[in-house]
Amino acid sequence: MLSPVFTAFIKNSPISVMARGLMKKVLNPKQFDEWFENTAKEQYTRDLLFSTLFYLMSQVVQGSQRSIHAAFQASKEDIAVSVTSIYNKLNGMEPSTSAALVRYAAEQVEPIVGCWA
């Protein structure tokens, strides 16, 4: 059912495979955007999706890009807004939204992580 390449990863690094699957479930762009629409009080989505902002930020946090501007430049063909819009959205991020994001992620992984205990 699984390719031999994938099977080798499971055998040699099962935790990495599980972590990748877990992150893919938790960081699902469509779910992120729905969550944002239901959570944000002041901010709204017009052309810039929350998942796009999260994607750009994650590149900086992971060290793939040195800044939001660099992440934007690397993906600007896929992003329908200006870098100014990116910065405006970041600057307007509500603290309650950030806190709710941590809770949301924990709720998403809890059933899976609970099985490991």
PDB file of N, CA and C in Angstrom:
ATOM      1  N   MET A   1       0.821  -1.194   0.000  1.00  0.00           N
ATOM      2  CA  MET A   1       0.000   0.000   0.000  1.00  0.00           C
ATOM      3  C   MET A   1       0.868   1.262   0.000  1.00  0.00           C
ATOM      4  N   LEU A   2       1.891   1.298   0.856  1.00  0.00           N
ATOM      5  CA  LEU A   2       2.787   2.443   0.907  1.00  0.00           C
ATOM      6  C   LEU A   2       4.004   2.177   0.044  1.00  0.00           C
ATOM      7  N   SER A   3       4.554   3.245  -0.504  1.00  0.00           N
ATOM      8  CA  SER A   3       5.749   3.090  -1.326  1.00  0.00           C
ATOM      9  C   SER A   3       6.916   2.637  -0.449  1.00  0.00           C
ATOM     10  N   PRO A   4       7.878   1.929  -1.036  1.00  0.00           N
ATOM     11  CA  PRO A   4       9.052   1.497  -0.265  1.00  0.00           C
ATOM     12  C   PRO A   4       9.812   2.663   0.365  1.00  0.00           C
ATOM     13  N   VAL A   5       9.838   3.796  -0.307  1.00  0.00           N
ATOM     14  CA  VAL A   5      10.533   4.966   0.245  1.00  0.00           C
ATOM     15  C   VAL A   5       9.867   5.398   1.548  1.00  0.00           C
ATOM     16  N   PHE A   6       8.538   5.471   1.553  1.00  0.00           N
ATOM     17  CA  PHE A   6       7.806   5.887   2.751  1.00  0.00           C
ATOM     18  C   PHE A   6       7.970   4.854   3.864  1.00  0.00           C
ATOM     19  N   THR A   7       7.957   3.586   3.506  1.00  0.00           N
ATOM     20  CA  THR A   7       8.129   2.514   4.486  1.00  0.00           C
ATOM     21  C   THR A   7       9.480   2.647   5.177  1.00  0.00           C
ATOM     22  N   ALA A   8      10.503   3.000   4.424  1.00  0.00           N
ATOM     23  CA  ALA A   8      11.829   3.185   5.021  1.00  0.00           C
ATOM     24  C   ALA A   8      11.820   4.314   6.050  1.00  0.00           C
ATOM     25  N   PHE A   9      11.119   5.391   5.776  1.00  0.00           N
ATOM     26  CA  PHE A   9      11.014   6.484   6.747  1.00  0.00           C
ATOM     27  C   PHE A   9      10.293   6.027   8.008  1.00  0.00           C
ATOM     28  N   ILE A  10       9.246   5.249   7.848  1.00  0.00           N
ATOM     29  CA  ILE A  10       8.501   4.755   9.010  1.00  0.00           C
ATOM     30  C   ILE A  10       9.396   3.882   9.878  1.00  0.00           C
ATOM     31  N   LYS A  11      10.173   3.031   9.253  1.00  0.00           N
ATOM     32  CA  LYS A  11      11.066   2.136  10.008  1.00  0.00           C
ATOM     33  C   LYS A  11      12.184   2.899  10.699  1.00  0.00           C
ATOM     34  N   ASN A  12      12.776   3.849   9.989  1.00  0.00           N
ATOM     35  CA  ASN A  12      13.960   4.534  10.512  1.00  0.00           C
ATOM     36  C   ASN A  12      13.664   5.748  11.373  1.00  0.00           C
ATOM     37  N   SER A  13      12.512   6.356  11.187  1.00  0.00           N
ATOM     38  CA  SER A  13      12.205   7.574  11.940  1.00  0.00           C
ATOM     39  C   SER A  13      10.698   7.710  12.160  1.00  0.00           C
ATOM     40  N   PRO A  14      10.099   6.787  12.901  1.00  0.00           N
ATOM     41  CA  PRO A  14       8.636   6.822  13.067  1.00  0.00           C
ATOM     42  C   PRO A  14       8.121   8.085  13.746  1.00  0.00           C
ATOM     43  N   ILE A  15       8.871   8.625  14.677  1.00  0.00           N
ATOM     44  CA  ILE A  15       8.432   9.845  15.363  1.00  0.00           C
ATOM     45  C   ILE A  15       8.354  11.001  14.375  1.00  0.00           C
ATOM     46  N   SER A  16       9.326  11.100  13.467  1.00  0.00           N
ATOM     47  CA  SER A  16       9.301  12.167  12.459  1.00  0.00           C
ATOM     48  C   SER A  16       8.080  12.043  11.561  1.00  0.00           C
ATOM     49  N   VAL A  17       7.758  10.829  11.170  1.00  0.00           N
ATOM     50  CA  VAL A  17       6.592  10.605  10.309  1.00  0.00           C
ATOM     51  C   VAL A  17       5.313  10.975  11.050  1.00  0.00           C
ATOM     52  N   MET A  18       5.206  10.564  12.322  1.00  0.00           N
ATOM     53  CA  MET A  18       4.018  10.902  13.113  1.00  0.00           C
ATOM     54  C   MET A  18       3.916  12.408  13.323  1.00  0.00           C
ATOM     55  N   ALA A  19       5.042  13.049  13.616  1.00  0.00           N
ATOM     56  CA  ALA A  19       5.029  14.498  13.840  1.00  0.00           C
ATOM     57  C   ALA A  19       4.615  15.234  12.575  1.00  0.00           C
ATOM     58  N   ARG A  20       5.107  14.781  11.440  1.00  0.00           N
ATOM     59  CA  ARG A  20       4.731  15.423  10.166  1.00  0.00           C
ATOM     60  C   ARG A  20       3.241  15.281   9.911  1.00  0.00           C
ATOM     61  N   GLY A  21       2.706  14.089  10.126  1.00  0.00           N
ATOM     62  CA  GLY A  21       1.266  13.875   9.937  1.00  0.00           C
ATOM     63  C   GLY A  21       0.441  14.713  10.896  1.00  0.00           C
ATOM     64  N   LEU A  22       0.902  14.808  12.124  1.00  0.00           N
ATOM     65  CA  LEU A  22       0.219  15.611  13.131  1.00  0.00           C
ATOM     66  C   LEU A  22       0.215  17.087  12.743  1.00  0.00           C
ATOM     67  N   MET A  23       1.345  17.591  12.296  1.00  0.00           N
ATOM     68  CA  MET A  23       1.429  18.992  11.899  1.00  0.00           C
ATOM     69  C   MET A  23       0.559  19.264  10.670  1.00  0.00           C
ATOM     70  N   LYS A  24       0.519  18.303   9.753  1.00  0.00           N
ATOM     71  CA  LYS A  24      -0.306  18.484   8.560  1.00  0.00           C
ATOM     72  C   LYS A  24      -1.788  18.573   8.932  1.00  0.00           C
ATOM     73  N   LYS A  25      -2.199  17.784   9.920  1.00  0.00           N
ATOM     74  CA  LYS A  25      -3.592  17.826  10.372  1.00  0.00           C
ATOM     75  C   LYS A  25      -3.888  19.146  11.077  1.00  0.00           C
ATOM     76  N   VAL A  26      -3.021  19.543  11.963  1.00  0.00           N
ATOM     77  CA  VAL A  26      -3.248  20.747  12.771  1.00  0.00           C
ATOM     78  C   VAL A  26      -3.141  22.015  11.934  1.00  0.00           C
ATOM     79  N   LEU A  27      -2.246  22.044  10.982  1.00  0.00           N
ATOM     80  CA  LEU A  27      -1.989  23.257  10.217  1.00  0.00           C
ATOM     81  C   LEU A  27      -2.694  23.255   8.859  1.00  0.00           C
ATOM     82  N   ASN A  28      -3.826  22.646   8.777  1.00  0.00           N
ATOM     83  CA  ASN A  28      -4.614  22.578   7.557  1.00  0.00           C
ATOM     84  C   ASN A  28      -5.117  23.977   7.194  1.00  0.00           C
ATOM     85  N   PRO A  29      -4.734  24.511   6.031  1.00  0.00           N
ATOM     86  CA  PRO A  29      -5.098  25.893   5.673  1.00  0.00           C
ATOM     87  C   PRO A  29      -6.607  26.163   5.683  1.00  0.00           C
ATOM     88  N   LYS A  30      -7.406  25.268   5.160  1.00  0.00           N
ATOM     89  CA  LYS A  30      -8.853  25.498   5.128  1.00  0.00           C
ATOM     90  C   LYS A  30      -9.419  25.577   6.542  1.00  0.00           C
ATOM     91  N   GLN A  31      -8.997  24.671   7.417  1.00  0.00           N
ATOM     92  CA  GLN A  31      -9.454  24.706   8.803  1.00  0.00           C
ATOM     93  C   GLN A  31      -8.981  25.973   9.503  1.00  0.00           C
ATOM     94  N   PHE A  32      -7.738  26.374   9.223  1.00  0.00           N
ATOM     95  CA  PHE A  32      -7.194  27.600   9.804  1.00  0.00           C
ATOM     96  C   PHE A  32      -8.051  28.803   9.439  1.00  0.00           C
ATOM     97  N   ASP A  33      -8.400  28.901   8.168  1.00  0.00           N
ATOM     98  CA  ASP A  33      -9.184  30.047   7.711  1.00  0.00           C
ATOM     99  C   ASP A  33     -10.575  30.051   8.327  1.00  0.00           C
ATOM    100  N   GLU A  34     -11.203  28.894   8.442  1.00  0.00           N
ATOM    101  CA  GLU A  34     -12.514  28.797   9.100  1.00  0.00           C
ATOM    102  C   GLU A  34     -12.393  29.170  10.569  1.00  0.00           C
ATOM    103  N   TRP A  35     -11.344  28.655  11.217  1.00  0.00           N
ATOM    104  CA  TRP A  35     -11.118  28.970  12.622  1.00  0.00           C
ATOM    105  C   TRP A  35     -10.967  30.484  12.810  1.00  0.00           C
ATOM    106  N   PHE A  36     -10.182  31.120  11.945  1.00  0.00           N
ATOM    107  CA  PHE A  36      -9.958  32.558  12.056  1.00  0.00           C
ATOM    108  C   PHE A  36     -11.269  33.323  11.910  1.00  0.00           C
ATOM    109  N   GLU A  37     -12.078  32.954  10.939  1.00  0.00           N
ATOM    110  CA  GLU A  37     -13.363  33.626  10.719  1.00  0.00           C
ATOM    111  C   GLU A  37     -14.255  33.538  11.957  1.00  0.00           C
ATOM    112  N   ASN A  38     -14.174  32.424  12.672  1.00  0.00           N
ATOM    113  CA  ASN A  38     -15.005  32.223  13.859  1.00  0.00           C
ATOM    114  C   ASN A  38     -14.393  32.807  15.126  1.00  0.00           C
ATOM    115  N   THR A  39     -13.113  33.144  15.093  1.00  0.00           N
ATOM    116  CA  THR A  39     -12.405  33.570  16.304  1.00  0.00           C
ATOM    117  C   THR A  39     -12.134  35.073  16.362  1.00  0.00           C
ATOM    118  N   ALA A  40     -11.682  35.631  15.274  1.00  0.00           N
ATOM    119  CA  ALA A  40     -11.296  37.048  15.266  1.00  0.00           C
ATOM    120  C   ALA A  40     -12.499  37.939  15.548  1.00  0.00           C
ATOM    121  N   LYS A  41     -12.270  38.952  16.353  1.00  0.00           N
ATOM    122  CA  LYS A  41     -13.355  39.876  16.697  1.00  0.00           C
ATOM    123  C   LYS A  41     -13.296  41.139  15.839  1.00  0.00           C
ATOM    124  N   GLU A  42     -12.116  41.699  15.661  1.00  0.00           N
ATOM    125  CA  GLU A  42     -11.944  42.944  14.921  1.00  0.00           C
ATOM    126  C   GLU A  42     -11.473  42.717  13.486  1.00  0.00           C
ATOM    127  N   GLN A  43     -10.578  41.782  13.319  1.00  0.00           N
ATOM    128  CA  GLN A  43     -10.018  41.547  11.987  1.00  0.00           C
ATOM    129  C   GLN A  43     -10.982  40.747  11.121  1.00  0.00           C
ATOM    130  N   TYR A  44     -10.763  40.851   9.841  1.00  0.00           N
ATOM    131  CA  TYR A  44     -11.624  40.166   8.878  1.00  0.00           C
ATOM    132  C   TYR A  44     -10.764  39.696   7.714  1.00  0.00           C
ATOM    133  N   THR A  45     -11.345  38.870   6.897  1.00  0.00           N
ATOM    134  CA  THR A  45     -10.653  38.387   5.707  1.00  0.00           C
ATOM    135  C   THR A  45     -11.287  39.019   4.493  1.00  0.00           C
ATOM    136  N   ARG A  46     -10.463  39.636   3.698  1.00  0.00           N
ATOM    137  CA  ARG A  46     -10.919  40.143   2.405  1.00  0.00           C
ATOM    138  C   ARG A  46     -10.159  39.379   1.332  1.00  0.00           C
ATOM    139  N   ASP A  47      -8.902  39.741   1.121  1.00  0.00           N
ATOM    140  CA  ASP A  47      -8.082  39.065   0.118  1.00  0.00           C
ATOM    141  C   ASP A  47      -6.936  38.265   0.735  1.00  0.00           C
ATOM    142  N   LEU A  48      -6.585  38.575   1.965  1.00  0.00           N
ATOM    143  CA  LEU A  48      -5.467  37.916   2.635  1.00  0.00           C
ATOM    144  C   LEU A  48      -5.997  36.898   3.645  1.00  0.00           C
ATOM    145  N   LEU A  49      -5.822  35.633   3.340  1.00  0.00           N
ATOM    146  CA  LEU A  49      -6.274  34.577   4.230  1.00  0.00           C
ATOM    147  C   LEU A  49      -5.336  34.441   5.423  1.00  0.00           C
ATOM    148  N   PHE A  50      -5.879  34.050   6.555  1.00  0.00           N
ATOM    149  CA  PHE A  50      -5.072  33.822   7.744  1.00  0.00           C
ATOM    150  C   PHE A  50      -4.042  32.727   7.476  1.00  0.00           C
ATOM    151  N   SER A  51      -4.424  31.711   6.737  1.00  0.00           N
ATOM    152  CA  SER A  51      -3.492  30.615   6.441  1.00  0.00           C
ATOM    153  C   SER A  51      -2.282  31.115   5.656  1.00  0.00           C
ATOM    154  N   THR A  52      -2.459  32.095   4.802  1.00  0.00           N
ATOM    155  CA  THR A  52      -1.337  32.662   4.054  1.00  0.00           C
ATOM    156  C   THR A  52      -0.399  33.402   4.999  1.00  0.00           C
ATOM    157  N   LEU A  53      -0.969  34.180   5.895  1.00  0.00           N
ATOM    158  CA  LEU A  53      -0.168  34.900   6.883  1.00  0.00           C
ATOM    159  C   LEU A  53       0.596  33.907   7.756  1.00  0.00           C
ATOM    160  N   PHE A  54      -0.082  32.856   8.185  1.00  0.00           N
ATOM    161  CA  PHE A  54       0.552  31.835   9.015  1.00  0.00           C
ATOM    162  C   PHE A  54       1.694  31.160   8.249  1.00  0.00           C
ATOM    163  N   TYR A  55       1.466  30.864   6.982  1.00  0.00           N
ATOM    164  CA  TYR A  55       2.494  30.246   6.149  1.00  0.00           C
ATOM    165  C   TYR A  55       3.740  31.128   6.079  1.00  0.00           C
ATOM    166  N   LEU A  56       3.551  32.413   5.854  1.00  0.00           N
ATOM    167  CA  LEU A  56       4.687  33.331   5.785  1.00  0.00           C
ATOM    168  C   LEU A  56       5.429  33.401   7.115  1.00  0.00           C
ATOM    169  N   MET A  57       4.668  33.521   8.198  1.00  0.00           N
ATOM    170  CA  MET A  57       5.282  33.591   9.527  1.00  0.00           C
ATOM    171  C   MET A  57       6.031  32.308   9.863  1.00  0.00           C
ATOM    172  N   SER A  58       5.462  31.172   9.492  1.00  0.00           N
ATOM    173  CA  SER A  58       6.119  29.905   9.815  1.00  0.00           C
ATOM    174  C   SER A  58       7.460  29.770   9.099  1.00  0.00           C
ATOM    175  N   GLN A  59       7.576  30.336   7.917  1.00  0.00           N
ATOM    176  CA  GLN A  59       8.857  30.301   7.214  1.00  0.00           C
ATOM    177  C   GLN A  59       9.932  31.077   7.972  1.00  0.00           C
ATOM    178  N   VAL A  60       9.523  32.189   8.562  1.00  0.00           N
ATOM    179  CA  VAL A  60      10.473  32.996   9.335  1.00  0.00           C
ATOM    180  C   VAL A  60      10.827  32.279  10.642  1.00  0.00           C
ATOM    181  N   VAL A  61       9.836  31.755  11.321  1.00  0.00           N
ATOM    182  CA  VAL A  61      10.071  31.069  12.593  1.00  0.00           C
ATOM    183  C   VAL A  61      10.955  29.838  12.402  1.00  0.00           C
ATOM    184  N   GLN A  62      10.738  29.106  11.326  1.00  0.00           N
ATOM    185  CA  GLN A  62      11.525  27.896  11.063  1.00  0.00           C
ATOM    186  C   GLN A  62      12.909  28.202  10.499  1.00  0.00           C
ATOM    187  N   GLY A  63      13.156  29.451  10.134  1.00  0.00           N
ATOM    188  CA  GLY A  63      14.455  29.839   9.615  1.00  0.00           C
ATOM    189  C   GLY A  63      14.606  29.669   8.108  1.00  0.00           C
ATOM    190  N   SER A  64      13.523  29.328   7.412  1.00  0.00           N
ATOM    191  CA  SER A  64      13.590  29.188   5.959  1.00  0.00           C
ATOM    192  C   SER A  64      13.764  30.539   5.278  1.00  0.00           C
ATOM    193  N   GLN A  65      13.195  31.584   5.899  1.00  0.00           N
ATOM    194  CA  GLN A  65      13.324  32.954   5.395  1.00  0.00           C
ATOM    195  C   GLN A  65      13.762  33.830   6.559  1.00  0.00           C
ATOM    196  N   ARG A  66      14.495  34.889   6.247  1.00  0.00           N
ATOM    197  CA  ARG A  66      15.029  35.743   7.321  1.00  0.00           C
ATOM    198  C   ARG A  66      14.052  36.814   7.794  1.00  0.00           C
ATOM    199  N   SER A  67      12.992  37.060   7.009  1.00  0.00           N
ATOM    200  CA  SER A  67      12.027  38.091   7.383  1.00  0.00           C
ATOM    201  C   SER A  67      10.706  37.832   6.669  1.00  0.00           C
ATOM    202  N   ILE A  68       9.667  38.516   7.131  1.00  0.00           N
ATOM    203  CA  ILE A  68       8.366  38.432   6.468  1.00  0.00           C
ATOM    204  C   ILE A  68       8.496  38.932   5.033  1.00  0.00           C
ATOM    205  N   HIS A  69       9.244  40.003   4.851  1.00  0.00           N
ATOM    206  CA  HIS A  69       9.416  40.555   3.511  1.00  0.00           C
ATOM    207  C   HIS A  69      10.074  39.534   2.583  1.00  0.00           C
ATOM    208  N   ALA A  70      11.102  38.832   3.072  1.00  0.00           N
ATOM    209  CA  ALA A  70      11.774  37.811   2.261  1.00  0.00           C
ATOM    210  C   ALA A  70      10.818  36.656   1.954  1.00  0.00           C
ATOM    211  N   ALA A  71      10.022  36.247   2.932  1.00  0.00           N
ATOM    212  CA  ALA A  71       9.041  35.175   2.704  1.00  0.00           C
ATOM    213  C   ALA A  71       8.014  35.608   1.669  1.00  0.00           C
ATOM    214  N   PHE A  72       7.572  36.863   1.776  1.00  0.00           N
ATOM    215  CA  PHE A  72       6.623  37.395   0.802  1.00  0.00           C
ATOM    216  C   PHE A  72       7.239  37.408  -0.597  1.00  0.00           C
ATOM    217  N   GLN A  73       8.463  37.904  -0.720  1.00  0.00           N
ATOM    218  CA  GLN A  73       9.132  37.971  -2.023  1.00  0.00           C
ATOM    219  C   GLN A  73       9.251  36.590  -2.663  1.00  0.00           C
ATOM    220  N   ALA A  74       9.509  35.576  -1.841  1.00  0.00           N
ATOM    221  CA  ALA A  74       9.664  34.215  -2.355  1.00  0.00           C
ATOM    222  C   ALA A  74       8.336  33.621  -2.829  1.00  0.00           C
ATOM    223  N   SER A  75       7.220  34.156  -2.346  1.00  0.00           N
ATOM    224  CA  SER A  75       5.904  33.595  -2.675  1.00  0.00           C
ATOM    225  C   SER A  75       4.958  34.595  -3.308  1.00  0.00           C
ATOM    226  N   LYS A  76       5.440  35.765  -3.709  1.00  0.00           N
ATOM    227  CA  LYS A  76       4.531  36.833  -4.113  1.00  0.00           C
ATOM    228  C   LYS A  76       3.665  36.494  -5.319  1.00  0.00           C
ATOM    229  N   GLU A  77       4.082  35.564  -6.170  1.00  0.00           N
ATOM    230  CA  GLU A  77       3.236  35.177  -7.305  1.00  0.00           C
ATOM    231  C   GLU A  77       1.962  34.465  -6.838  1.00  0.00           C
ATOM    232  N   ASP A  78       2.037  33.849  -5.666  1.00  0.00           N
ATOM    233  CA  ASP A  78       0.901  33.095  -5.133  1.00  0.00           C
ATOM    234  C   ASP A  78       0.045  33.904  -4.161  1.00  0.00           C
ATOM    235  N   ILE A  79       0.473  35.132  -3.860  1.00  0.00           N
ATOM    236  CA  ILE A  79      -0.228  35.953  -2.866  1.00  0.00           C
ATOM    237  C   ILE A  79      -0.837  37.158  -3.573  1.00  0.00           C
ATOM    238  N   ALA A  80      -2.129  37.346  -3.372  1.00  0.00           N
ATOM    239  CA  ALA A  80      -2.875  38.366  -4.129  1.00  0.00           C
ATOM    240  C   ALA A  80      -2.909  39.736  -3.456  1.00  0.00           C
ATOM    241  N   VAL A  81      -2.043  39.971  -2.481  1.00  0.00           N
ATOM    242  CA  VAL A  81      -2.027  41.264  -1.790  1.00  0.00           C
ATOM    243  C   VAL A  81      -0.606  41.805  -1.768  1.00  0.00           C
ATOM    244  N   SER A  82      -0.484  43.048  -1.334  1.00  0.00           N
ATOM    245  CA  SER A  82       0.837  43.689  -1.240  1.00  0.00           C
ATOM    246  C   SER A  82       1.510  43.329   0.082  1.00  0.00           C
ATOM    247  N   VAL A  83       2.815  43.573   0.138  1.00  0.00           N
ATOM    248  CA  VAL A  83       3.537  43.339   1.382  1.00  0.00           C
ATOM    249  C   VAL A  83       3.024  44.273   2.481  1.00  0.00           C
ATOM    250  N   THR A  84       2.538  45.450   2.099  1.00  0.00           N
ATOM    251  CA  THR A  84       1.940  46.371   3.070  1.00  0.00           C
ATOM    252  C   THR A  84       0.720  45.742   3.727  1.00  0.00           C
ATOM    253  N   SER A  85      -0.088  45.048   2.952  1.00  0.00           N
ATOM    254  CA  SER A  85      -1.256  44.360   3.514  1.00  0.00           C
ATOM    255  C   SER A  85      -0.838  43.280   4.503  1.00  0.00           C
ATOM    256  N   ILE A  86       0.241  42.601   4.194  1.00  0.00           N
ATOM    257  CA  ILE A  86       0.763  41.569   5.101  1.00  0.00           C
ATOM    258  C   ILE A  86       1.131  42.216   6.439  1.00  0.00           C
ATOM    259  N   TYR A  87       1.909  43.290   6.377  1.00  0.00           N
ATOM    260  CA  TYR A  87       2.320  43.960   7.607  1.00  0.00           C
ATOM    261  C   TYR A  87       1.132  44.563   8.361  1.00  0.00           C
ATOM    262  N   ASN A  88       0.168  45.113   7.658  1.00  0.00           N
ATOM    263  CA  ASN A  88      -1.026  45.658   8.318  1.00  0.00           C
ATOM    264  C   ASN A  88      -1.788  44.571   9.064  1.00  0.00           C
ATOM    265  N   LYS A  89      -1.919  43.411   8.441  1.00  0.00           N
ATOM    266  CA  LYS A  89      -2.627  42.303   9.084  1.00  0.00           C
ATOM    267  C   LYS A  89      -1.866  41.836  10.320  1.00  0.00           C
ATOM    268  N   LEU A  90      -0.547  41.727  10.195  1.00  0.00           N
ATOM    269  CA  LEU A  90       0.262  41.326  11.351  1.00  0.00           C
ATOM    270  C   LEU A  90       0.166  42.343  12.480  1.00  0.00           C
ATOM    271  N   ASN A  91       0.258  43.610  12.148  1.00  0.00           N
ATOM    272  CA  ASN A  91       0.204  44.656  13.170  1.00  0.00           C
ATOM    273  C   ASN A  91      -1.158  44.749  13.840  1.00  0.00           C
ATOM    274  N   GLY A  92      -2.193  44.323  13.153  1.00  0.00           N
ATOM    275  CA  GLY A  92      -3.533  44.374  13.722  1.00  0.00           C
ATOM    276  C   GLY A  92      -3.976  43.093  14.396  1.00  0.00           C
ATOM    277  N   MET A  93      -3.079  42.105  14.467  1.00  0.00           N
ATOM    278  CA  MET A  93      -3.455  40.824  15.064  1.00  0.00           C
ATOM    279  C   MET A  93      -3.849  41.016  16.525  1.00  0.00           C
ATOM    280  N   GLU A  94      -5.001  40.535  16.854  1.00  0.00           N
ATOM    281  CA  GLU A  94      -5.518  40.664  18.209  1.00  0.00           C
ATOM    282  C   GLU A  94      -4.824  39.664  19.140  1.00  0.00           C
ATOM    283  N   PRO A  95      -4.390  40.106  20.331  1.00  0.00           N
ATOM    284  CA  PRO A  95      -3.777  39.166  21.275  1.00  0.00           C
ATOM    285  C   PRO A  95      -4.692  37.978  21.598  1.00  0.00           C
ATOM    286  N   SER A  96      -5.976  38.223  21.653  1.00  0.00           N
ATOM    287  CA  SER A  96      -6.898  37.121  21.956  1.00  0.00           C
ATOM    288  C   SER A  96      -6.912  36.084  20.836  1.00  0.00           C
ATOM    289  N   THR A  97      -6.676  36.511  19.603  1.00  0.00           N
ATOM    290  CA  THR A  97      -6.612  35.575  18.484  1.00  0.00           C
ATOM    291  C   THR A  97      -5.363  34.711  18.603  1.00  0.00           C
ATOM    292  N   SER A  98      -4.253  35.312  18.958  1.00  0.00           N
ATOM    293  CA  SER A  98      -3.016  34.544  19.128  1.00  0.00           C
ATOM    294  C   SER A  98      -3.164  33.510  20.237  1.00  0.00           C
ATOM    295  N   ALA A  99      -3.745  33.913  21.350  1.00  0.00           N
ATOM    296  CA  ALA A  99      -3.958  32.982  22.464  1.00  0.00           C
ATOM    297  C   ALA A  99      -4.914  31.862  22.050  1.00  0.00           C
ATOM    298  N   ALA A 100      -5.948  32.210  21.319  1.00  0.00           N
ATOM    299  CA  ALA A 100      -6.904  31.201  20.861  1.00  0.00           C
ATOM    300  C   ALA A 100      -6.262  30.230  19.877  1.00  0.00           C
ATOM    301  N   LEU A 101      -5.284  30.689  19.110  1.00  0.00           N
ATOM    302  CA  LEU A 101      -4.589  29.813  18.169  1.00  0.00           C
ATOM    303  C   LEU A 101      -3.835  28.715  18.914  1.00  0.00           C
ATOM    304  N   VAL A 102      -3.203  29.065  20.012  1.00  0.00           N
ATOM    305  CA  VAL A 102      -2.490  28.072  20.816  1.00  0.00           C
ATOM    306  C   VAL A 102      -3.484  27.054  21.371  1.00  0.00           C
ATOM    307  N   ARG A 103      -4.622  27.530  21.873  1.00  0.00           N
ATOM    308  CA  ARG A 103      -5.646  26.610  22.383  1.00  0.00           C
ATOM    309  C   ARG A 103      -6.178  25.705  21.281  1.00  0.00           C
ATOM    310  N   TYR A 104      -6.434  26.282  20.111  1.00  0.00           N
ATOM    311  CA  TYR A 104      -6.944  25.519  18.971  1.00  0.00           C
ATOM    312  C   TYR A 104      -5.972  24.403  18.595  1.00  0.00           C
ATOM    313  N   ALA A 105      -4.693  24.737  18.484  1.00  0.00           N
ATOM    314  CA  ALA A 105      -3.692  23.732  18.110  1.00  0.00           C
ATOM    315  C   ALA A 105      -3.626  22.623  19.152  1.00  0.00           C
ATOM    316  N   ALA A 106      -3.674  22.995  20.419  1.00  0.00           N
ATOM    317  CA  ALA A 106      -3.645  21.992  21.489  1.00  0.00           C
ATOM    318  C   ALA A 106      -4.871  21.079  21.420  1.00  0.00           C
ATOM    319  N   GLU A 107      -6.029  21.644  21.151  1.00  0.00           N
ATOM    320  CA  GLU A 107      -7.249  20.837  21.028  1.00  0.00           C
ATOM    321  C   GLU A 107      -7.153  19.864  19.855  1.00  0.00           C
ATOM    322  N   GLN A 108      -6.515  20.300  18.768  1.00  0.00           N
ATOM    323  CA  GLN A 108      -6.393  19.455  17.592  1.00  0.00           C
ATOM    324  C   GLN A 108      -5.464  18.265  17.828  1.00  0.00           C
ATOM    325  N   VAL A 109      -4.386  18.472  18.574  1.00  0.00           N
ATOM    326  CA  VAL A 109      -3.414  17.395  18.774  1.00  0.00           C
ATOM    327  C   VAL A 109      -3.700  16.536  20.005  1.00  0.00           C
ATOM    328  N   GLU A 110      -4.497  17.030  20.917  1.00  0.00           N
ATOM    329  CA  GLU A 110      -4.729  16.312  22.176  1.00  0.00           C
ATOM    330  C   GLU A 110      -5.207  14.879  21.976  1.00  0.00           C
ATOM    331  N   PRO A 111      -6.189  14.611  21.121  1.00  0.00           N
ATOM    332  CA  PRO A 111      -6.622  13.223  20.971  1.00  0.00           C
ATOM    333  C   PRO A 111      -5.509  12.302  20.455  1.00  0.00           C
ATOM    334  N   ILE A 112      -4.647  12.849  19.620  1.00  0.00           N
ATOM    335  CA  ILE A 112      -3.569  12.029  19.052  1.00  0.00           C
ATOM    336  C   ILE A 112      -2.456  11.847  20.068  1.00  0.00           C
ATOM    337  N   VAL A 113      -2.040  12.936  20.687  1.00  0.00           N
ATOM    338  CA  VAL A 113      -0.969  12.875  21.670  1.00  0.00           C
ATOM    339  C   VAL A 113      -1.421  12.062  22.874  1.00  0.00           C
ATOM    340  N   GLY A 114      -2.693  12.149  23.226  1.00  0.00           N
ATOM    341  CA  GLY A 114      -3.218  11.376  24.340  1.00  0.00           C
ATOM    342  C   GLY A 114      -3.065   9.879  24.155  1.00  0.00           C
ATOM    343  N   CYS A 115      -3.072   9.434  22.934  1.00  0.00           N
ATOM    344  CA  CYS A 115      -2.900   8.009  22.645  1.00  0.00           C
ATOM    345  C   CYS A 115      -1.480   7.542  22.898  1.00  0.00           C
ATOM    346  N   TRP A 116      -0.511   8.468  22.862  1.00  0.00           N
ATOM    347  CA  TRP A 116       0.880   8.090  23.083  1.00  0.00           C
ATOM    348  C   TRP A 116       1.205   7.923  24.561  1.00  0.00           C
ATOM    349  N   ALA A 117       0.414   8.521  25.404  1.00  0.00           N
ATOM    350  CA  ALA A 117       0.729   8.490  26.852  1.00  0.00           C
ATOM    351  C   ALA A 117       0.434   7.147  27.463  1.00  0.00           C
TER     352      ALA A 117
END
